[in-house]
């Protein structure tokens, strides 16, 4: 049976791995969102008869992009903070 106590190094490693997983998921969601957004836009231009469906695809793309940004919200907030002197 493993000890329930973890060392600070183990906690730091787990935090780094969790951050890396969030970044990978964010990149995948963002990429899928951009692809859906542009595919929907190009589809509207090529087949105007299917505008409602393609606007739905574009909406899903926007939701994916927003979700990707929410996943990395904490790290971005840390980057935007002004250093205190």
N, C-alpha and C. Protein backbone atom coordinates (compact mmCIF):
# COMPACT_ATOMS: atom_id res chain seq x y z
N UNK A 1 0.83 -1.18 0.00
CA UNK A 1 0.00 0.00 0.00
C UNK A 1 0.88 1.24 0.00
N UNK A 2 0.56 2.17 -0.89
CA UNK A 2 1.36 3.39 -0.99
C UNK A 2 1.03 4.35 0.15
N UNK A 3 1.99 5.12 0.50
CA UNK A 3 1.77 6.14 1.51
C UNK A 3 0.88 7.24 0.94
N UNK A 4 -0.03 7.76 1.75
CA UNK A 4 -0.93 8.81 1.27
C UNK A 4 -0.22 10.16 1.20
N UNK A 5 0.93 10.27 1.83
CA UNK A 5 1.68 11.52 1.78
C UNK A 5 2.54 11.56 0.53
N UNK A 6 2.52 12.71 -0.09
CA UNK A 6 3.36 12.90 -1.28
C UNK A 6 4.38 13.98 -0.97
N UNK A 7 5.51 13.83 -1.59
CA UNK A 7 6.56 14.82 -1.39
C UNK A 7 6.24 16.05 -2.23
N UNK A 8 6.85 17.17 -1.89
CA UNK A 8 6.63 18.39 -2.70
C UNK A 8 7.05 18.19 -4.16
N UNK A 9 8.07 17.39 -4.39
CA UNK A 9 8.51 17.14 -5.77
C UNK A 9 7.43 16.39 -6.55
N UNK A 10 6.79 15.41 -5.88
CA UNK A 10 5.73 14.66 -6.55
C UNK A 10 4.53 15.56 -6.86
N UNK A 11 4.18 16.42 -5.90
CA UNK A 11 3.08 17.35 -6.14
C UNK A 11 3.39 18.32 -7.27
N UNK A 12 4.62 18.79 -7.32
CA UNK A 12 5.02 19.71 -8.40
C UNK A 12 4.99 19.00 -9.75
N UNK A 13 5.45 17.75 -9.78
CA UNK A 13 5.41 16.98 -11.02
C UNK A 13 3.98 16.76 -11.48
N UNK A 14 3.09 16.41 -10.55
CA UNK A 14 1.69 16.22 -10.90
C UNK A 14 1.05 17.52 -11.41
N UNK A 15 1.42 18.63 -10.80
CA UNK A 15 0.89 19.93 -11.25
C UNK A 15 1.38 20.25 -12.66
N UNK A 16 2.66 19.96 -12.94
CA UNK A 16 3.19 20.19 -14.29
C UNK A 16 2.50 19.31 -15.31
N UNK A 17 2.28 18.04 -14.93
CA UNK A 17 1.60 17.12 -15.86
C UNK A 17 0.15 17.55 -16.11
N UNK A 18 -0.53 18.01 -15.07
CA UNK A 18 -1.91 18.48 -15.24
C UNK A 18 -1.94 19.71 -16.14
N UNK A 19 -0.98 20.62 -15.96
CA UNK A 19 -0.93 21.82 -16.81
C UNK A 19 -0.64 21.43 -18.26
N UNK A 20 0.23 20.46 -18.46
CA UNK A 20 0.53 20.01 -19.82
C UNK A 20 -0.70 19.37 -20.46
N UNK A 21 -1.45 18.59 -19.68
CA UNK A 21 -2.69 18.00 -20.21
C UNK A 21 -3.70 19.07 -20.58
N UNK A 22 -3.83 20.11 -19.74
CA UNK A 22 -4.76 21.21 -20.06
C UNK A 22 -4.33 21.93 -21.33
N UNK A 23 -3.02 22.16 -21.49
CA UNK A 23 -2.54 22.84 -22.70
C UNK A 23 -2.80 22.00 -23.94
N UNK A 24 -2.52 20.69 -23.87
CA UNK A 24 -2.77 19.82 -25.03
C UNK A 24 -4.26 19.80 -25.38
N UNK A 25 -5.10 19.68 -24.38
CA UNK A 25 -6.55 19.69 -24.63
C UNK A 25 -6.98 21.02 -25.20
N UNK A 26 -6.42 22.10 -24.69
CA UNK A 26 -6.76 23.43 -25.18
C UNK A 26 -6.35 23.60 -26.64
N UNK A 27 -5.17 23.11 -26.97
CA UNK A 27 -4.71 23.22 -28.37
C UNK A 27 -5.61 22.41 -29.29
N UNK A 28 -5.99 21.22 -28.85
CA UNK A 28 -6.86 20.38 -29.68
C UNK A 28 -8.24 21.03 -29.87
N UNK A 29 -8.81 21.53 -28.78
CA UNK A 29 -10.11 22.19 -28.88
C UNK A 29 -10.04 23.44 -29.76
N UNK A 30 -9.00 24.23 -29.57
CA UNK A 30 -8.83 25.44 -30.36
C UNK A 30 -8.66 25.14 -31.84
N UNK A 31 -7.87 24.12 -32.13
CA UNK A 31 -7.66 23.73 -33.53
C UNK A 31 -8.97 23.26 -34.15
N UNK A 32 -9.70 22.41 -33.43
CA UNK A 32 -10.99 21.93 -33.95
C UNK A 32 -11.95 23.10 -34.14
N UNK A 33 -11.94 24.04 -33.21
CA UNK A 33 -12.81 25.20 -33.33
C UNK A 33 -12.50 26.05 -34.54
N UNK A 34 -11.23 26.31 -34.78
CA UNK A 34 -10.83 27.11 -35.94
C UNK A 34 -11.18 26.38 -37.23
N UNK A 35 -10.94 25.07 -37.26
CA UNK A 35 -11.28 24.29 -38.46
C UNK A 35 -12.78 24.35 -38.73
N UNK A 36 -13.60 24.15 -37.68
CA UNK A 36 -15.05 24.20 -37.86
C UNK A 36 -15.51 25.59 -38.28
N UNK A 37 -14.92 26.61 -37.68
CA UNK A 37 -15.31 27.98 -38.02
C UNK A 37 -15.02 28.29 -39.48
N UNK A 38 -13.82 27.98 -39.94
CA UNK A 38 -13.47 28.26 -41.32
C UNK A 38 -14.19 27.33 -42.30
N UNK A 39 -14.38 26.07 -41.92
CA UNK A 39 -15.11 25.15 -42.80
C UNK A 39 -16.55 25.62 -42.97
N UNK A 40 -17.15 26.08 -41.88
CA UNK A 40 -18.51 26.61 -41.98
C UNK A 40 -18.57 27.86 -42.84
N UNK A 41 -17.59 28.74 -42.69
CA UNK A 41 -17.55 29.95 -43.51
C UNK A 41 -17.37 29.66 -44.99
N UNK A 42 -16.47 28.75 -45.28
CA UNK A 42 -16.24 28.38 -46.68
C UNK A 42 -17.48 27.66 -47.23
N UNK A 43 -18.10 26.84 -46.38
CA UNK A 43 -19.31 26.14 -46.80
C UNK A 43 -20.45 27.09 -47.12
N UNK A 44 -20.58 28.16 -46.35
CA UNK A 44 -21.62 29.16 -46.62
C UNK A 44 -21.38 29.82 -47.97
N UNK A 45 -20.14 30.08 -48.29
CA UNK A 45 -19.82 30.71 -49.57
C UNK A 45 -20.10 29.75 -50.72
N UNK A 46 -19.74 28.48 -50.55
CA UNK A 46 -19.88 27.51 -51.64
C UNK A 46 -21.32 27.00 -51.80
N UNK A 47 -22.02 26.80 -50.71
CA UNK A 47 -23.39 26.28 -50.79
C UNK A 47 -24.32 27.13 -49.94
N UNK A 48 -24.79 28.24 -50.46
CA UNK A 48 -25.65 29.13 -49.67
C UNK A 48 -26.99 28.50 -49.27
N UNK A 49 -27.38 27.41 -49.88
CA UNK A 49 -28.64 26.77 -49.54
C UNK A 49 -28.61 26.15 -48.14
N UNK A 50 -27.44 25.81 -47.64
CA UNK A 50 -27.29 25.16 -46.34
C UNK A 50 -26.81 26.12 -45.26
N UNK A 51 -27.24 27.37 -45.34
CA UNK A 51 -26.71 28.39 -44.43
C UNK A 51 -27.01 28.06 -42.97
N UNK A 52 -28.21 27.60 -42.67
CA UNK A 52 -28.58 27.35 -41.27
C UNK A 52 -27.69 26.27 -40.65
N UNK A 53 -27.47 25.20 -41.37
CA UNK A 53 -26.62 24.12 -40.86
C UNK A 53 -25.19 24.61 -40.68
N UNK A 54 -24.70 25.33 -41.66
CA UNK A 54 -23.30 25.79 -41.60
C UNK A 54 -23.11 26.86 -40.53
N UNK A 55 -24.12 27.67 -40.27
CA UNK A 55 -24.03 28.62 -39.16
C UNK A 55 -23.97 27.87 -37.83
N UNK A 56 -24.68 26.75 -37.73
CA UNK A 56 -24.57 25.90 -36.55
C UNK A 56 -23.18 25.35 -36.38
N UNK A 57 -22.56 24.93 -37.48
CA UNK A 57 -21.18 24.43 -37.44
C UNK A 57 -20.24 25.54 -36.99
N UNK A 58 -20.46 26.74 -37.50
CA UNK A 58 -19.62 27.87 -37.10
C UNK A 58 -19.81 28.18 -35.61
N UNK A 59 -21.06 28.07 -35.14
CA UNK A 59 -21.33 28.30 -33.71
C UNK A 59 -20.62 27.29 -32.83
N UNK A 60 -20.63 26.04 -33.25
CA UNK A 60 -19.91 25.00 -32.50
C UNK A 60 -18.41 25.30 -32.49
N UNK A 61 -17.89 25.79 -33.61
CA UNK A 61 -16.49 26.17 -33.67
C UNK A 61 -16.16 27.27 -32.69
N UNK A 62 -17.05 28.25 -32.57
CA UNK A 62 -16.83 29.35 -31.63
C UNK A 62 -16.87 28.82 -30.19
N UNK A 63 -17.78 27.91 -29.91
CA UNK A 63 -17.86 27.31 -28.57
C UNK A 63 -16.56 26.57 -28.25
N UNK A 64 -16.02 25.85 -29.22
CA UNK A 64 -14.76 25.14 -29.00
C UNK A 64 -13.61 26.12 -28.72
N UNK A 65 -13.57 27.21 -29.45
CA UNK A 65 -12.50 28.20 -29.25
C UNK A 65 -12.61 28.81 -27.85
N UNK A 66 -13.83 29.16 -27.44
CA UNK A 66 -14.02 29.73 -26.11
C UNK A 66 -13.64 28.71 -25.04
N UNK A 67 -14.01 27.45 -25.24
CA UNK A 67 -13.64 26.40 -24.28
C UNK A 67 -12.12 26.26 -24.17
N UNK A 68 -11.44 26.36 -25.29
CA UNK A 68 -9.97 26.27 -25.27
C UNK A 68 -9.37 27.43 -24.49
N UNK A 69 -9.94 28.60 -24.64
CA UNK A 69 -9.42 29.76 -23.90
C UNK A 69 -9.73 29.65 -22.41
N UNK A 70 -10.86 29.09 -22.05
CA UNK A 70 -11.20 28.92 -20.64
C UNK A 70 -10.24 27.93 -19.98
N UNK A 71 -9.82 26.89 -20.71
CA UNK A 71 -8.90 25.91 -20.14
C UNK A 71 -7.56 26.53 -19.75
N UNK A 72 -7.13 27.52 -20.48
CA UNK A 72 -5.82 28.14 -20.19
C UNK A 72 -5.98 29.50 -19.55
N UNK A 73 -7.14 29.75 -18.95
CA UNK A 73 -7.40 31.06 -18.37
C UNK A 73 -6.44 31.40 -17.23
N UNK A 74 -6.18 30.45 -16.33
CA UNK A 74 -5.28 30.71 -15.21
C UNK A 74 -3.87 31.07 -15.68
N UNK A 75 -3.26 30.27 -16.54
CA UNK A 75 -1.91 30.63 -16.98
C UNK A 75 -1.87 31.98 -17.71
N UNK A 76 -2.91 32.30 -18.47
CA UNK A 76 -2.93 33.59 -19.16
C UNK A 76 -3.06 34.73 -18.16
N UNK A 77 -3.84 34.53 -17.11
CA UNK A 77 -3.99 35.57 -16.09
C UNK A 77 -2.65 35.85 -15.42
N UNK A 78 -1.86 34.79 -15.20
CA UNK A 78 -0.54 34.97 -14.60
C UNK A 78 0.41 35.73 -15.51
N UNK A 79 0.25 35.57 -16.81
CA UNK A 79 1.12 36.28 -17.75
C UNK A 79 0.78 37.76 -17.83
N UNK A 80 -0.49 38.10 -17.60
CA UNK A 80 -0.93 39.48 -17.74
C UNK A 80 -0.69 40.33 -16.51
N UNK A 81 -0.34 39.71 -15.40
CA UNK A 81 -0.09 40.45 -14.18
C UNK A 81 1.18 41.28 -14.30
N UNK A 82 1.13 42.47 -13.74
CA UNK A 82 2.29 43.35 -13.73
C UNK A 82 3.20 42.94 -12.58
N UNK A 83 4.50 42.84 -12.84
CA UNK A 83 5.42 42.49 -11.75
C UNK A 83 5.48 43.60 -10.70
N UNK A 84 5.48 43.19 -9.45
CA UNK A 84 5.56 44.18 -8.36
C UNK A 84 7.00 44.42 -8.02
N UNK A 85 7.32 45.67 -7.93
CA UNK A 85 8.71 46.03 -7.61
C UNK A 85 8.84 46.58 -6.24
